[in-house]
Amino acid sequence: MSNDNSSFGTTVRRQREEKKIGLRKFAQMVGMSPTYLSKVERNEFKPPTEEKVRAIARVLGRDPDELLALAGRVSSDLADIIQRHPREMATLLRAANRLSAEEMQRLAEEVQRLKKEEKS
């Protein structure tokens, strides 16, 4: 595996150390063995399962979707949505591909507003 400074393992280690949480304590908090976690942090092993990545995000106070993306994964609920609506989701994602973060946020807010109106 690589030693890229923006990798999942490097990011987790840096943020764990910033929070001054020891490796053994952190491993216990997220339900992993210290040996395995150490190898993940050193990029010797691939990132753990979605459940463990979510636990890591919770303890570090990070957004789980951001850590999942850094781990090269997509949240299982998103995968389910894409599988239920493959054509529509592909069209939507391709159309939104070049939007800025702010534009995507506005788009998401508009969709939520439309859903609320639909329920009323």
C-alpha atoms as a PDB file:
ATOM      1  CA  MET A   1       0.000   0.000   0.000  1.00  0.00           C
ATOM      2  CA  SER A   2       1.124   3.614  -0.406  1.00  0.00           C
ATOM      3  CA  ASN A   3       2.320   6.093   2.187  1.00  0.00           C
ATOM      4  CA  ASP A   4       0.325   8.967   0.693  1.00  0.00           C
ATOM      5  CA  ASN A   5      -0.285  11.761   3.228  1.00  0.00           C
ATOM      6  CA  SER A   6      -3.935  11.942   2.156  1.00  0.00           C
ATOM      7  CA  SER A   7      -4.519   8.205   2.471  1.00  0.00           C
ATOM      8  CA  PHE A   8      -7.108   6.736   4.815  1.00  0.00           C
ATOM      9  CA  GLY A   9      -4.548   5.295   7.224  1.00  0.00           C
ATOM     10  CA  THR A  10      -2.392   8.405   7.362  1.00  0.00           C
ATOM     11  CA  THR A  11      -5.444  10.599   7.924  1.00  0.00           C
ATOM     12  CA  VAL A  12      -6.790   8.375  10.711  1.00  0.00           C
ATOM     13  CA  ARG A  13      -3.432   8.279  12.463  1.00  0.00           C
ATOM     14  CA  ARG A  14      -2.929  12.042  12.227  1.00  0.00           C
ATOM     15  CA  GLN A  15      -6.405  12.785  13.573  1.00  0.00           C
ATOM     16  CA  ARG A  16      -6.143  10.183  16.325  1.00  0.00           C
ATOM     17  CA  GLU A  17      -2.853  11.723  17.453  1.00  0.00           C
ATOM     18  CA  GLU A  18      -4.344  15.240  17.270  1.00  0.00           C
ATOM     19  CA  LYS A  19      -7.045  14.049  19.676  1.00  0.00           C
ATOM     20  CA  LYS A  20      -4.307  12.547  21.861  1.00  0.00           C
ATOM     21  CA  ILE A  21      -5.861   9.075  21.818  1.00  0.00           C
ATOM     22  CA  GLY A  22      -3.397   6.213  22.133  1.00  0.00           C
ATOM     23  CA  LEU A  23      -3.439   3.414  19.573  1.00  0.00           C
ATOM     24  CA  ARG A  24      -4.606   0.724  22.024  1.00  0.00           C
ATOM     25  CA  LYS A  25      -7.381   2.884  23.475  1.00  0.00           C
ATOM     26  CA  PHE A  26      -8.524   3.965  20.010  1.00  0.00           C
ATOM     27  CA  ALA A  27      -8.529   0.363  18.769  1.00  0.00           C
ATOM     28  CA  GLN A  28     -10.696  -0.609  21.738  1.00  0.00           C
ATOM     29  CA  MET A  29     -13.054   2.326  21.105  1.00  0.00           C
ATOM     30  CA  VAL A  30     -13.633   1.268  17.485  1.00  0.00           C
ATOM     31  CA  GLY A  31     -13.657  -2.495  18.084  1.00  0.00           C
ATOM     32  CA  MET A  32     -10.434  -3.417  16.303  1.00  0.00           C
ATOM     33  CA  SER A  33      -7.205  -5.053  17.341  1.00  0.00           C
ATOM     34  CA  PRO A  34      -4.331  -2.611  17.932  1.00  0.00           C
ATOM     35  CA  THR A  35      -2.081  -4.632  15.613  1.00  0.00           C
ATOM     36  CA  TYR A  36      -4.560  -4.476  12.731  1.00  0.00           C
ATOM     37  CA  LEU A  37      -5.274  -0.785  13.305  1.00  0.00           C
ATOM     38  CA  SER A  38      -1.561   0.003  13.385  1.00  0.00           C
ATOM     39  CA  LYS A  39      -1.104  -1.687  10.014  1.00  0.00           C
ATOM     40  CA  VAL A  40      -4.077   0.206   8.582  1.00  0.00           C
ATOM     41  CA  GLU A  41      -2.620   3.488   9.837  1.00  0.00           C
ATOM     42  CA  ARG A  42       0.737   2.656   8.242  1.00  0.00           C
ATOM     43  CA  ASN A  43      -1.047   1.784   4.981  1.00  0.00           C
ATOM     44  CA  GLU A  44       0.131  -1.817   5.146  1.00  0.00           C
ATOM     45  CA  PHE A  45      -3.470  -3.067   5.153  1.00  0.00           C
ATOM     46  CA  LYS A  46      -6.490  -1.814   3.250  1.00  0.00           C
ATOM     47  CA  PRO A  47      -9.066   0.227   5.191  1.00  0.00           C
ATOM     48  CA  PRO A  48     -11.482  -1.799   7.319  1.00  0.00           C
ATOM     49  CA  THR A  49     -15.158  -2.538   6.696  1.00  0.00           C
ATOM     50  CA  GLU A  50     -17.819   0.145   6.389  1.00  0.00           C
ATOM     51  CA  GLU A  51     -18.972  -0.531   9.957  1.00  0.00           C
ATOM     52  CA  LYS A  52     -15.450   0.010  11.337  1.00  0.00           C
ATOM     53  CA  VAL A  53     -14.888   3.117   9.196  1.00  0.00           C
ATOM     54  CA  ARG A  54     -18.133   4.528  10.612  1.00  0.00           C
ATOM     55  CA  ALA A  55     -16.936   3.762  14.164  1.00  0.00           C
ATOM     56  CA  ILE A  56     -13.635   5.504  13.438  1.00  0.00           C
ATOM     57  CA  ALA A  57     -15.503   8.529  12.043  1.00  0.00           C
ATOM     58  CA  ARG A  58     -17.708   8.683  15.143  1.00  0.00           C
ATOM     59  CA  VAL A  59     -14.750   8.610  17.557  1.00  0.00           C
ATOM     60  CA  LEU A  60     -12.791  11.168  15.519  1.00  0.00           C
ATOM     61  CA  GLY A  61     -15.813  13.426  15.024  1.00  0.00           C
ATOM     62  CA  ARG A  62     -15.551  13.120  11.239  1.00  0.00           C
ATOM     63  CA  ASP A  63     -18.220  12.801   8.580  1.00  0.00           C
ATOM     64  CA  PRO A  64     -18.577   9.068   7.857  1.00  0.00           C
ATOM     65  CA  ASP A  65     -19.157   9.600   4.122  1.00  0.00           C
ATOM     66  CA  GLU A  66     -15.896  11.547   3.825  1.00  0.00           C
ATOM     67  CA  LEU A  67     -13.914   8.806   5.592  1.00  0.00           C
ATOM     68  CA  LEU A  68     -15.648   6.117   3.550  1.00  0.00           C
ATOM     69  CA  ALA A  69     -14.665   7.951   0.357  1.00  0.00           C
ATOM     70  CA  LEU A  70     -11.078   8.218   1.600  1.00  0.00           C
ATOM     71  CA  ALA A  71     -11.238   4.459   2.227  1.00  0.00           C
ATOM     72  CA  GLY A  72     -12.368   3.936  -1.382  1.00  0.00           C
ATOM     73  CA  ARG A  73     -15.870   2.902  -0.369  1.00  0.00           C
ATOM     74  CA  VAL A  74     -19.417   4.115  -0.862  1.00  0.00           C
ATOM     75  CA  SER A  75     -21.945   3.928   1.933  1.00  0.00           C
ATOM     76  CA  SER A  76     -24.145   0.843   1.571  1.00  0.00           C
ATOM     77  CA  ASP A  77     -27.323   2.946   1.680  1.00  0.00           C
ATOM     78  CA  LEU A  78     -26.070   4.904  -1.340  1.00  0.00           C
ATOM     79  CA  ALA A  79     -25.200   1.718  -3.200  1.00  0.00           C
ATOM     80  CA  ASP A  80     -28.766   0.505  -2.543  1.00  0.00           C
ATOM     81  CA  ILE A  81     -30.218   3.738  -3.961  1.00  0.00           C
ATOM     82  CA  ILE A  82     -28.044   3.466  -7.067  1.00  0.00           C
ATOM     83  CA  GLN A  83     -29.054  -0.165  -7.574  1.00  0.00           C
ATOM     84  CA  ARG A  84     -32.758   0.721  -7.304  1.00  0.00           C
ATOM     85  CA  HIS A  85     -32.448   3.605  -9.799  1.00  0.00           C
ATOM     86  CA  PRO A  86     -29.309   2.939 -11.870  1.00  0.00           C
ATOM     87  CA  ARG A  87     -30.137   4.971 -14.951  1.00  0.00           C
ATOM     88  CA  GLU A  88     -31.560   7.967 -13.116  1.00  0.00           C
ATOM     89  CA  MET A  89     -28.747   8.073 -10.553  1.00  0.00           C
ATOM     90  CA  ALA A  90     -26.087   7.768 -13.246  1.00  0.00           C
ATOM     91  CA  THR A  91     -27.689  10.650 -15.156  1.00  0.00           C
ATOM     92  CA  LEU A  92     -27.938  12.769 -12.003  1.00  0.00           C
ATOM     93  CA  LEU A  93     -24.357  12.100 -10.903  1.00  0.00           C
ATOM     94  CA  ARG A  94     -22.941  12.784 -14.356  1.00  0.00           C
ATOM     95  CA  ALA A  95     -24.915  16.029 -14.605  1.00  0.00           C
ATOM     96  CA  ALA A  96     -23.732  17.131 -11.149  1.00  0.00           C
ATOM     97  CA  ASN A  97     -20.128  16.060 -11.707  1.00  0.00           C
ATOM     98  CA  ARG A  98     -18.709  19.540 -12.340  1.00  0.00           C
ATOM     99  CA  LEU A  99     -20.770  21.402  -9.735  1.00  0.00           C
ATOM    100  CA  SER A 100     -18.966  23.104  -6.871  1.00  0.00           C
ATOM    101  CA  ALA A 101     -19.539  21.919  -3.311  1.00  0.00           C
ATOM    102  CA  GLU A 102     -21.822  24.920  -2.750  1.00  0.00           C
ATOM    103  CA  GLU A 103     -23.837  24.169  -5.882  1.00  0.00           C
ATOM    104  CA  MET A 104     -24.220  20.525  -4.825  1.00  0.00           C
ATOM    105  CA  GLN A 105     -25.401  21.651  -1.392  1.00  0.00           C
ATOM    106  CA  ARG A 106     -28.011  23.944  -3.003  1.00  0.00           C
ATOM    107  CA  LEU A 107     -29.128  21.077  -5.238  1.00  0.00           C
ATOM    108  CA  ALA A 108     -29.501  18.768  -2.224  1.00  0.00           C
ATOM    109  CA  GLU A 109     -31.492  21.432  -0.349  1.00  0.00           C
ATOM    110  CA  GLU A 110     -33.767  21.878  -3.365  1.00  0.00           C
ATOM    111  CA  VAL A 111     -34.410  18.126  -3.542  1.00  0.00           C
ATOM    112  CA  GLN A 112     -35.233  18.081   0.180  1.00  0.00           C
ATOM    113  CA  ARG A 113     -37.599  21.034  -0.303  1.00  0.00           C
ATOM    114  CA  LEU A 114     -39.335  19.228  -3.173  1.00  0.00           C
ATOM    115  CA  LYS A 115     -39.730  16.091  -1.069  1.00  0.00           C
ATOM    116  CA  LYS A 116     -41.297  18.147   1.743  1.00  0.00           C
ATOM    117  CA  GLU A 117     -43.732  19.791  -0.674  1.00  0.00           C
ATOM    118  CA  GLU A 118     -44.638  16.383  -2.071  1.00  0.00           C
ATOM    119  CA  LYS A 119     -45.548  15.120   1.413  1.00  0.00           C
ATOM    120  CA  SER A 120     -47.745  18.184   2.162  1.00  0.00           C
END
